[in-house]
N, C-alpha and C. Protein backbone atom coordinates (compact mmCIF):
# COMPACT_ATOMS: atom_id res chain seq x y z
N MET A 1 0.81 -1.19 0.00
CA MET A 1 0.00 0.00 0.00
C MET A 1 0.86 1.26 0.00
N GLN A 2 2.00 1.18 0.67
CA GLN A 2 2.87 2.35 0.72
C GLN A 2 3.37 2.70 -0.68
N MET A 3 3.71 1.71 -1.48
CA MET A 3 4.18 1.97 -2.83
C MET A 3 3.08 2.61 -3.68
N LEU A 4 1.86 2.17 -3.50
CA LEU A 4 0.72 2.77 -4.20
C LEU A 4 0.60 4.25 -3.84
N ALA A 5 0.72 4.56 -2.58
CA ALA A 5 0.63 5.95 -2.14
C ALA A 5 1.78 6.78 -2.70
N TRP A 6 2.97 6.20 -2.77
CA TRP A 6 4.11 6.93 -3.29
C TRP A 6 3.95 7.28 -4.77
N PHE A 7 3.26 6.42 -5.53
CA PHE A 7 3.10 6.66 -6.96
C PHE A 7 1.87 7.51 -7.29
N MET A 8 1.05 7.86 -6.33
CA MET A 8 -0.14 8.68 -6.59
C MET A 8 0.18 10.04 -7.20
N PRO A 9 1.27 10.70 -6.82
CA PRO A 9 1.57 11.99 -7.48
C PRO A 9 1.78 11.84 -8.98
N MET A 10 2.25 10.67 -9.42
CA MET A 10 2.43 10.46 -10.85
C MET A 10 1.08 10.42 -11.56
N ALA A 11 0.09 9.82 -10.96
CA ALA A 11 -1.24 9.77 -11.57
C ALA A 11 -1.88 11.15 -11.62
N GLY A 12 -1.89 11.83 -10.49
CA GLY A 12 -2.48 13.17 -10.44
C GLY A 12 -1.71 14.17 -11.29
N GLY A 13 -0.41 14.12 -11.20
CA GLY A 13 0.42 15.02 -12.01
C GLY A 13 0.31 14.74 -13.48
N GLY A 14 0.18 13.46 -13.83
CA GLY A 14 0.01 13.09 -15.23
C GLY A 14 -1.28 13.63 -15.81
N CYS A 15 -2.36 13.54 -15.05
CA CYS A 15 -3.64 14.10 -15.50
C CYS A 15 -3.54 15.61 -15.66
N PHE A 16 -2.91 16.27 -14.70
CA PHE A 16 -2.76 17.72 -14.77
C PHE A 16 -1.90 18.12 -15.97
N LEU A 17 -0.77 17.44 -16.16
CA LEU A 17 0.12 17.79 -17.27
C LEU A 17 -0.48 17.46 -18.63
N ALA A 18 -1.35 16.46 -18.68
CA ALA A 18 -2.04 16.16 -19.94
C ALA A 18 -2.95 17.32 -20.32
N LEU A 19 -3.56 17.94 -19.33
CA LEU A 19 -4.44 19.08 -19.60
C LEU A 19 -3.66 20.36 -19.89
N VAL A 20 -2.60 20.59 -19.15
CA VAL A 20 -1.86 21.85 -19.24
C VAL A 20 -0.70 21.78 -20.25
N GLY A 21 -0.13 20.60 -20.42
CA GLY A 21 1.05 20.46 -21.27
C GLY A 21 0.85 20.90 -22.70
N GLY A 22 -0.30 20.58 -23.27
CA GLY A 22 -0.58 21.00 -24.65
C GLY A 22 -0.61 22.50 -24.80
N ARG A 23 -1.19 23.19 -23.84
CA ARG A 23 -1.24 24.66 -23.87
C ARG A 23 0.15 25.24 -23.64
N LEU A 24 0.93 24.60 -22.78
CA LEU A 24 2.26 25.09 -22.48
C LEU A 24 3.14 25.11 -23.73
N MET A 25 2.95 24.14 -24.60
CA MET A 25 3.77 24.07 -25.81
C MET A 25 3.47 25.19 -26.80
N HIS A 26 2.34 25.88 -26.63
CA HIS A 26 2.03 27.03 -27.46
C HIS A 26 2.69 28.30 -26.93
N VAL A 27 3.14 28.26 -25.69
CA VAL A 27 3.71 29.44 -25.03
C VAL A 27 5.24 29.35 -24.97
N VAL A 28 5.76 28.17 -24.72
CA VAL A 28 7.19 27.95 -24.52
C VAL A 28 7.71 27.02 -25.62
N SER A 29 8.91 27.27 -26.09
CA SER A 29 9.47 26.41 -27.14
C SER A 29 9.69 24.99 -26.63
N GLY A 30 9.63 24.04 -27.54
CA GLY A 30 9.85 22.65 -27.19
C GLY A 30 11.23 22.40 -26.63
N THR A 31 12.21 23.16 -27.11
CA THR A 31 13.58 23.01 -26.59
C THR A 31 13.64 23.35 -25.11
N ILE A 32 12.99 24.43 -24.71
CA ILE A 32 12.98 24.82 -23.29
C ILE A 32 12.28 23.75 -22.47
N ILE A 33 11.18 23.22 -22.98
CA ILE A 33 10.45 22.17 -22.25
C ILE A 33 11.33 20.94 -22.09
N LEU A 34 12.06 20.56 -23.14
CA LEU A 34 12.95 19.39 -23.05
C LEU A 34 14.07 19.63 -22.04
N ILE A 35 14.58 20.85 -21.98
CA ILE A 35 15.61 21.17 -20.98
C ILE A 35 15.03 21.06 -19.57
N VAL A 36 13.81 21.54 -19.40
CA VAL A 36 13.14 21.43 -18.08
C VAL A 36 12.95 19.96 -17.71
N THR A 37 12.58 19.13 -18.70
CA THR A 37 12.38 17.70 -18.39
C THR A 37 13.68 17.04 -17.95
N SER A 38 14.78 17.39 -18.59
CA SER A 38 16.05 16.78 -18.18
C SER A 38 16.49 17.28 -16.80
N ILE A 39 16.21 18.54 -16.49
CA ILE A 39 16.50 19.04 -15.14
C ILE A 39 15.63 18.32 -14.12
N ALA A 40 14.38 18.04 -14.47
CA ALA A 40 13.49 17.29 -13.57
C ALA A 40 14.03 15.88 -13.32
N VAL A 41 14.60 15.25 -14.34
CA VAL A 41 15.21 13.92 -14.16
C VAL A 41 16.38 14.01 -13.19
N VAL A 42 17.21 15.02 -13.35
CA VAL A 42 18.37 15.20 -12.48
C VAL A 42 17.93 15.41 -11.03
N ILE A 43 16.93 16.27 -10.83
CA ILE A 43 16.45 16.54 -9.46
C ILE A 43 15.84 15.28 -8.85
N SER A 44 15.01 14.59 -9.62
CA SER A 44 14.36 13.37 -9.12
C SER A 44 15.40 12.33 -8.69
N SER A 45 16.37 12.09 -9.54
CA SER A 45 17.37 11.07 -9.20
C SER A 45 18.26 11.53 -8.03
N ALA A 46 18.57 12.82 -7.96
CA ALA A 46 19.38 13.31 -6.83
C ALA A 46 18.64 13.14 -5.52
N LEU A 47 17.32 13.37 -5.53
CA LEU A 47 16.54 13.17 -4.30
C LEU A 47 16.58 11.71 -3.86
N PHE A 48 16.50 10.79 -4.81
CA PHE A 48 16.55 9.36 -4.45
C PHE A 48 17.97 8.94 -4.05
N ILE A 49 18.99 9.53 -4.66
CA ILE A 49 20.37 9.18 -4.31
C ILE A 49 20.68 9.55 -2.86
N TYR A 50 20.26 10.74 -2.46
CA TYR A 50 20.62 11.24 -1.14
C TYR A 50 19.57 11.01 -0.06
N ALA A 51 18.47 10.36 -0.41
CA ALA A 51 17.42 10.08 0.58
C ALA A 51 17.95 9.11 1.64
N PRO A 52 17.59 9.31 2.89
CA PRO A 52 18.01 8.37 3.94
C PRO A 52 17.28 7.02 3.77
N LEU A 53 17.70 6.03 4.53
CA LEU A 53 17.08 4.71 4.42
C LEU A 53 15.59 4.73 4.78
N GLU A 54 15.20 5.56 5.70
CA GLU A 54 13.79 5.74 6.06
C GLU A 54 13.39 7.17 5.69
N PRO A 55 13.15 7.42 4.40
CA PRO A 55 12.93 8.81 3.97
C PRO A 55 11.55 9.34 4.37
N SER A 56 11.51 10.63 4.62
CA SER A 56 10.24 11.31 4.82
C SER A 56 9.56 11.43 3.46
N TYR A 57 8.30 11.05 3.41
CA TYR A 57 7.57 11.10 2.14
C TYR A 57 7.56 12.51 1.58
N TRP A 58 7.20 13.50 2.37
CA TRP A 58 7.02 14.87 1.88
C TRP A 58 8.35 15.54 1.54
N ALA A 59 9.41 15.16 2.20
CA ALA A 59 10.70 15.79 1.93
C ALA A 59 11.45 15.15 0.77
N TRP A 60 11.28 13.83 0.58
CA TRP A 60 12.09 13.13 -0.41
C TRP A 60 11.27 12.50 -1.53
N ILE A 61 10.29 11.70 -1.20
CA ILE A 61 9.57 10.90 -2.19
C ILE A 61 8.63 11.77 -3.03
N PHE A 62 7.80 12.58 -2.39
CA PHE A 62 6.83 13.39 -3.12
C PHE A 62 7.50 14.30 -4.15
N PRO A 63 8.52 15.09 -3.78
CA PRO A 63 9.14 15.94 -4.81
C PRO A 63 9.81 15.13 -5.93
N ALA A 64 10.40 13.99 -5.58
CA ALA A 64 11.03 13.15 -6.60
C ALA A 64 9.99 12.61 -7.58
N MET A 65 8.84 12.21 -7.09
CA MET A 65 7.79 11.68 -7.97
C MET A 65 7.17 12.79 -8.83
N ILE A 66 7.04 13.98 -8.29
CA ILE A 66 6.53 15.11 -9.08
C ILE A 66 7.52 15.42 -10.21
N CYS A 67 8.81 15.44 -9.90
CA CYS A 67 9.81 15.69 -10.94
C CYS A 67 9.81 14.59 -12.00
N ALA A 68 9.66 13.35 -11.58
CA ALA A 68 9.59 12.24 -12.54
C ALA A 68 8.38 12.38 -13.45
N THR A 69 7.26 12.82 -12.89
CA THR A 69 6.05 13.02 -13.68
C THR A 69 6.24 14.14 -14.69
N ILE A 70 6.84 15.23 -14.26
CA ILE A 70 7.12 16.35 -15.17
C ILE A 70 7.99 15.87 -16.32
N ALA A 71 9.00 15.09 -16.00
CA ALA A 71 9.93 14.62 -17.03
C ALA A 71 9.23 13.77 -18.08
N ILE A 72 8.57 12.72 -17.69
CA ILE A 72 8.01 11.78 -18.67
C ILE A 72 6.83 12.39 -19.42
N ASP A 73 5.95 13.09 -18.73
CA ASP A 73 4.75 13.60 -19.40
C ASP A 73 5.07 14.73 -20.37
N LEU A 74 5.95 15.63 -20.02
CA LEU A 74 6.26 16.74 -20.92
C LEU A 74 7.10 16.29 -22.11
N VAL A 75 8.06 15.40 -21.89
CA VAL A 75 8.87 14.94 -23.02
C VAL A 75 7.99 14.16 -24.01
N TYR A 76 7.06 13.38 -23.50
CA TYR A 76 6.16 12.63 -24.38
C TYR A 76 5.29 13.58 -25.20
N SER A 77 4.81 14.65 -24.59
CA SER A 77 3.99 15.62 -25.32
C SER A 77 4.79 16.32 -26.41
N VAL A 78 6.01 16.73 -26.10
CA VAL A 78 6.84 17.41 -27.09
C VAL A 78 7.16 16.48 -28.26
N VAL A 79 7.50 15.24 -27.97
CA VAL A 79 7.82 14.28 -29.03
C VAL A 79 6.60 14.04 -29.90
N ASN A 80 5.43 13.89 -29.30
CA ASN A 80 4.21 13.67 -30.08
C ASN A 80 3.91 14.84 -31.00
N VAL A 81 3.98 16.05 -30.48
CA VAL A 81 3.70 17.23 -31.30
C VAL A 81 4.75 17.38 -32.40
N PHE A 82 6.00 17.17 -32.05
CA PHE A 82 7.06 17.30 -33.05
C PHE A 82 6.88 16.29 -34.19
N LEU A 83 6.66 15.03 -33.84
CA LEU A 83 6.51 14.01 -34.88
C LEU A 83 5.25 14.23 -35.71
N SER A 84 4.14 14.53 -35.05
CA SER A 84 2.90 14.69 -35.80
C SER A 84 2.90 15.94 -36.67
N SER A 85 3.62 16.97 -36.28
CA SER A 85 3.65 18.18 -37.11
C SER A 85 4.67 18.07 -38.24
N ASN A 86 5.51 17.05 -38.22
CA ASN A 86 6.50 16.88 -39.28
C ASN A 86 6.20 15.72 -40.22
N LEU A 87 5.07 15.09 -40.04
CA LEU A 87 4.64 14.03 -40.95
C LEU A 87 3.35 14.46 -41.63
N PRO A 88 3.13 14.01 -42.85
CA PRO A 88 1.89 14.37 -43.54
C PRO A 88 0.66 13.80 -42.84
N GLU A 89 -0.47 14.37 -43.15
CA GLU A 89 -1.73 14.00 -42.50
C GLU A 89 -2.03 12.50 -42.58
N HIS A 90 -1.74 11.90 -43.71
CA HIS A 90 -2.06 10.47 -43.86
C HIS A 90 -1.10 9.57 -43.07
N GLN A 91 -0.08 10.13 -42.44
CA GLN A 91 0.85 9.34 -41.63
C GLN A 91 0.80 9.72 -40.15
N GLN A 92 -0.28 10.35 -39.71
CA GLN A 92 -0.39 10.76 -38.31
C GLN A 92 -0.41 9.57 -37.36
N GLY A 93 -1.01 8.47 -37.78
CA GLY A 93 -0.99 7.27 -36.95
C GLY A 93 0.42 6.75 -36.74
N LEU A 94 1.23 6.86 -37.78
CA LEU A 94 2.63 6.47 -37.68
C LEU A 94 3.36 7.33 -36.66
N ALA A 95 3.07 8.63 -36.65
CA ALA A 95 3.70 9.54 -35.69
C ALA A 95 3.39 9.13 -34.26
N GLY A 96 2.13 8.86 -33.97
CA GLY A 96 1.74 8.43 -32.62
C GLY A 96 2.37 7.10 -32.25
N SER A 97 2.39 6.18 -33.21
CA SER A 97 2.99 4.86 -32.95
C SER A 97 4.48 4.97 -32.68
N LEU A 98 5.16 5.81 -33.45
CA LEU A 98 6.59 5.99 -33.27
C LEU A 98 6.90 6.61 -31.91
N ALA A 99 6.13 7.63 -31.53
CA ALA A 99 6.35 8.26 -30.22
C ALA A 99 6.14 7.25 -29.09
N HIS A 100 5.08 6.48 -29.17
CA HIS A 100 4.80 5.48 -28.13
C HIS A 100 5.89 4.41 -28.10
N ALA A 101 6.32 3.95 -29.27
CA ALA A 101 7.36 2.93 -29.33
C ALA A 101 8.67 3.44 -28.75
N LEU A 102 9.01 4.70 -29.03
CA LEU A 102 10.25 5.27 -28.48
C LEU A 102 10.22 5.32 -26.97
N VAL A 103 9.08 5.71 -26.41
CA VAL A 103 8.96 5.77 -24.95
C VAL A 103 9.08 4.37 -24.34
N GLN A 104 8.37 3.42 -24.92
CA GLN A 104 8.40 2.05 -24.38
C GLN A 104 9.77 1.41 -24.53
N PHE A 105 10.39 1.58 -25.69
CA PHE A 105 11.71 0.98 -25.91
C PHE A 105 12.76 1.59 -24.99
N SER A 106 12.77 2.92 -24.89
CA SER A 106 13.77 3.55 -24.03
C SER A 106 13.55 3.19 -22.57
N GLY A 107 12.29 3.08 -22.15
CA GLY A 107 12.00 2.65 -20.78
C GLY A 107 12.52 1.25 -20.50
N ALA A 108 12.25 0.33 -21.43
CA ALA A 108 12.72 -1.05 -21.26
C ALA A 108 14.24 -1.12 -21.26
N LEU A 109 14.87 -0.36 -22.15
CA LEU A 109 16.33 -0.37 -22.24
C LEU A 109 16.97 0.15 -20.94
N PHE A 110 16.46 1.26 -20.43
CA PHE A 110 17.08 1.84 -19.23
C PHE A 110 16.72 1.06 -17.96
N ILE A 111 15.58 0.40 -17.93
CA ILE A 111 15.28 -0.47 -16.79
C ILE A 111 16.28 -1.64 -16.77
N ALA A 112 16.56 -2.20 -17.94
CA ALA A 112 17.54 -3.30 -18.02
C ALA A 112 18.93 -2.82 -17.62
N MET A 113 19.31 -1.63 -18.09
CA MET A 113 20.63 -1.09 -17.72
C MET A 113 20.70 -0.81 -16.22
N ALA A 114 19.63 -0.25 -15.66
CA ALA A 114 19.62 0.04 -14.22
C ALA A 114 19.71 -1.25 -13.41
N LYS A 115 19.02 -2.30 -13.85
CA LYS A 115 19.08 -3.58 -13.15
C LYS A 115 20.48 -4.18 -13.23
N ALA A 116 21.12 -4.04 -14.39
CA ALA A 116 22.48 -4.55 -14.54
C ALA A 116 23.45 -3.80 -13.63
N VAL A 117 23.30 -2.48 -13.57
CA VAL A 117 24.16 -1.67 -12.69
C VAL A 117 23.91 -2.04 -11.23
N MET A 118 22.65 -2.15 -10.87
CA MET A 118 22.30 -2.46 -9.49
C MET A 118 22.81 -3.85 -9.09
N THR A 119 22.64 -4.83 -9.96
CA THR A 119 23.07 -6.19 -9.66
C THR A 119 24.60 -6.28 -9.61
N GLY A 120 25.25 -5.61 -10.54
CA GLY A 120 26.72 -5.66 -10.61
C GLY A 120 27.41 -4.94 -9.48
N THR A 121 26.73 -3.99 -8.85
CA THR A 121 27.36 -3.21 -7.79
C THR A 121 26.75 -3.47 -6.42
N SER A 122 25.86 -4.43 -6.33
CA SER A 122 25.19 -4.74 -5.08
C SER A 122 26.18 -5.28 -4.06
N THR A 123 26.23 -4.63 -2.91
CA THR A 123 27.14 -5.09 -1.86
C THR A 123 26.48 -5.17 -0.49
N ARG A 124 25.48 -4.35 -0.26
CA ARG A 124 24.92 -4.22 1.08
C ARG A 124 23.71 -5.12 1.33
N GLY A 125 22.96 -5.39 0.29
CA GLY A 125 21.75 -6.18 0.48
C GLY A 125 20.60 -5.39 1.08
N ASP A 126 20.62 -4.06 0.94
CA ASP A 126 19.52 -3.24 1.44
C ASP A 126 19.09 -2.23 0.37
N ALA A 127 18.30 -1.29 0.77
CA ALA A 127 17.76 -0.31 -0.17
C ALA A 127 18.85 0.54 -0.82
N ARG A 128 20.00 0.63 -0.19
CA ARG A 128 21.11 1.42 -0.75
C ARG A 128 21.66 0.81 -2.04
N ASP A 129 21.33 -0.44 -2.32
CA ASP A 129 21.78 -1.05 -3.57
C ASP A 129 21.18 -0.35 -4.79
N TYR A 130 20.09 0.37 -4.58
CA TYR A 130 19.46 1.10 -5.67
C TYR A 130 20.20 2.39 -6.01
N THR A 131 21.07 2.83 -5.15
CA THR A 131 21.75 4.12 -5.32
C THR A 131 22.48 4.21 -6.66
N ASN A 132 23.18 3.16 -7.05
CA ASN A 132 23.91 3.21 -8.32
C ASN A 132 22.98 3.27 -9.52
N ALA A 133 21.80 2.65 -9.41
CA ALA A 133 20.81 2.78 -10.48
C ALA A 133 20.34 4.23 -10.59
N PHE A 134 20.17 4.89 -9.46
CA PHE A 134 19.80 6.31 -9.50
C PHE A 134 20.94 7.18 -10.01
N TRP A 135 22.18 6.77 -9.78
CA TRP A 135 23.31 7.49 -10.37
C TRP A 135 23.28 7.37 -11.89
N LEU A 136 22.92 6.20 -12.40
CA LEU A 136 22.76 6.03 -13.85
C LEU A 136 21.69 6.99 -14.37
N GLN A 137 20.58 7.09 -13.65
CA GLN A 137 19.51 8.01 -14.03
C GLN A 137 20.01 9.45 -13.99
N PHE A 138 20.76 9.80 -12.97
CA PHE A 138 21.30 11.15 -12.81
C PHE A 138 22.21 11.51 -13.99
N VAL A 139 23.14 10.62 -14.31
CA VAL A 139 24.07 10.87 -15.42
C VAL A 139 23.31 10.93 -16.74
N SER A 140 22.32 10.08 -16.91
CA SER A 140 21.51 10.12 -18.13
C SER A 140 20.78 11.45 -18.26
N GLY A 141 20.29 11.98 -17.15
CA GLY A 141 19.65 13.29 -17.17
C GLY A 141 20.61 14.40 -17.54
N ILE A 142 21.84 14.33 -17.03
CA ILE A 142 22.86 15.33 -17.37
C ILE A 142 23.21 15.25 -18.86
N VAL A 143 23.37 14.04 -19.37
CA VAL A 143 23.67 13.87 -20.80
C VAL A 143 22.51 14.39 -21.65
N ALA A 144 21.29 14.07 -21.26
CA ALA A 144 20.12 14.58 -21.99
C ALA A 144 20.08 16.10 -21.97
N LEU A 145 20.37 16.69 -20.82
CA LEU A 145 20.40 18.14 -20.70
C LEU A 145 21.41 18.76 -21.66
N MET A 146 22.60 18.19 -21.73
CA MET A 146 23.62 18.70 -22.64
C MET A 146 23.21 18.55 -24.10
N ILE A 147 22.61 17.40 -24.44
CA ILE A 147 22.17 17.18 -25.83
C ILE A 147 21.05 18.14 -26.18
N PHE A 148 20.05 18.28 -25.30
CA PHE A 148 18.94 19.18 -25.58
C PHE A 148 19.41 20.62 -25.73
N ALA A 149 20.30 21.05 -24.84
CA ALA A 149 20.76 22.44 -24.86
C ALA A 149 21.64 22.72 -26.08
N ALA A 150 22.45 21.78 -26.47
CA ALA A 150 23.41 22.03 -27.56
C ALA A 150 22.87 21.73 -28.95
N PHE A 151 22.03 20.71 -29.09
CA PHE A 151 21.70 20.24 -30.43
C PHE A 151 20.23 20.24 -30.81
N VAL A 152 19.32 20.23 -29.87
CA VAL A 152 17.90 20.07 -30.19
C VAL A 152 17.23 21.43 -30.28
N ARG A 153 16.53 21.66 -31.39
CA ARG A 153 15.77 22.90 -31.59
C ARG A 153 14.35 22.53 -32.00
N VAL A 154 13.43 22.74 -31.08
CA VAL A 154 12.02 22.50 -31.33
C VAL A 154 11.29 23.79 -30.98
N GLY A 155 10.54 24.31 -31.92
CA GLY A 155 9.83 25.57 -31.69
C GLY A 155 8.56 25.37 -30.89
N LYS A 156 7.79 26.45 -30.82
CA LYS A 156 6.49 26.40 -30.15
C LYS A 156 5.50 25.65 -31.04
N ALA A 157 4.51 25.05 -30.42
CA ALA A 157 3.44 24.42 -31.18
C ALA A 157 2.58 25.51 -31.80
N LYS A 158 2.03 25.23 -32.95
CA LYS A 158 1.21 26.21 -33.65
C LYS A 158 -0.19 25.67 -33.84
N ASP A 159 -1.17 26.57 -33.77
CA ASP A 159 -2.54 26.20 -34.12
C ASP A 159 -2.62 26.17 -35.64
N ASP A 160 -3.08 25.06 -36.19
CA ASP A 160 -3.15 24.92 -37.64
C ASP A 160 -4.45 24.22 -37.99
N ASP A 161 -5.35 24.96 -38.61
CA ASP A 161 -6.65 24.39 -38.98
C ASP A 161 -6.53 23.29 -40.01
N SER A 162 -5.40 23.21 -40.71
CA SER A 162 -5.25 22.17 -41.72
C SER A 162 -5.10 20.79 -41.08
N LEU A 163 -4.82 20.75 -39.79
CA LEU A 163 -4.68 19.46 -39.11
C LEU A 163 -6.01 18.88 -38.64
N VAL A 164 -7.10 19.64 -38.81
CA VAL A 164 -8.40 19.15 -38.39
C VAL A 164 -8.77 17.95 -39.26
N GLN A 165 -9.07 16.84 -38.64
CA GLN A 165 -9.31 15.60 -39.37
C GLN A 165 -10.77 15.40 -39.73
N VAL A 166 -11.68 16.00 -39.00
CA VAL A 166 -13.11 15.77 -39.21
C VAL A 166 -13.79 17.10 -39.48
N LYS A 167 -14.65 17.13 -40.51
CA LYS A 167 -15.41 18.34 -40.82
C LYS A 167 -16.89 18.00 -40.71
N PHE A 168 -17.68 19.02 -40.44
CA PHE A 168 -19.12 18.82 -40.34
C PHE A 168 -19.81 19.64 -41.42
N SER A 169 -20.81 19.04 -42.04
CA SER A 169 -21.60 19.77 -43.03
C SER A 169 -22.58 20.68 -42.30
N GLU A 170 -23.36 21.46 -43.08
CA GLU A 170 -24.30 22.40 -42.49
C GLU A 170 -25.35 21.71 -41.64
N ASP A 171 -25.71 20.49 -41.98
CA ASP A 171 -26.73 19.78 -41.20
C ASP A 171 -26.09 18.92 -40.09
N LYS A 172 -24.87 19.25 -39.71
CA LYS A 172 -24.14 18.64 -38.58
C LYS A 172 -23.82 17.16 -38.79
N LYS A 173 -23.76 16.72 -40.04
CA LYS A 173 -23.33 15.36 -40.30
C LYS A 173 -21.83 15.37 -40.58
N CYS A 174 -21.17 14.35 -40.09
CA CYS A 174 -19.72 14.25 -40.25
C CYS A 174 -19.41 13.88 -41.69
N ILE A 175 -18.48 14.62 -42.33
CA ILE A 175 -18.06 14.30 -43.68
C ILE A 175 -16.55 14.19 -43.71
N ALA A 176 -16.02 13.42 -44.65
CA ALA A 176 -14.58 13.27 -44.77
C ALA A 176 -14.01 14.52 -45.41
N PRO A 177 -12.80 14.93 -45.07
CA PRO A 177 -12.20 16.12 -45.67
C PRO A 177 -11.91 15.94 -47.14
C-alpha cells in the first residue's frame, strides 16, 4: 500500500500535465520544455540518491515523484507534437505509434541497464543497492540536458486548422475532408 501511495503523485500530475502540457507548448518552445524535463530527471534522481534509508515522504519521495512526472509527461507531449507536425496528415498514426514505441523501448532499455548496474554493484543487500541505479539516471539526465541544450531545436506548437481531421456539413453530419 505504501508503494501505491508513493506513486499517486504520478497519476495526479500526469492528469494535470495532460491538460496543461498541450497549452504550455504554445507558449514555450519545445527546446525549453525538453531542458526542463532533463532538469526534472536530475532533481528526481538526486533526491533518491541522497534520501536516507527511512525517507520522509514529503521531503524526499513526493518531490522526486513530481519531478519524474514532469519529465516523462512533458517529453512525451513534445515528441508527439514534433513528430505529428513533421509528418503528412495520412501518416499521423505512424507519428503516434513511433512516439509510443520510443517511450516504451527507451524505458525497457534503461530499466535493463539500471538492473544490470544495481546487480553488478550490489554489496549491502539493502535499499542502498538502488543508489547506483539512481546514479545512472542522474548521469543520463545530465547527458540529456547537454544534448537538448546544444543540439535540439524544437519551436512552439502552432494552431493549424489544416490538421483538423473531421469536418461537419451544415446539417451537422460528419463528412470526410
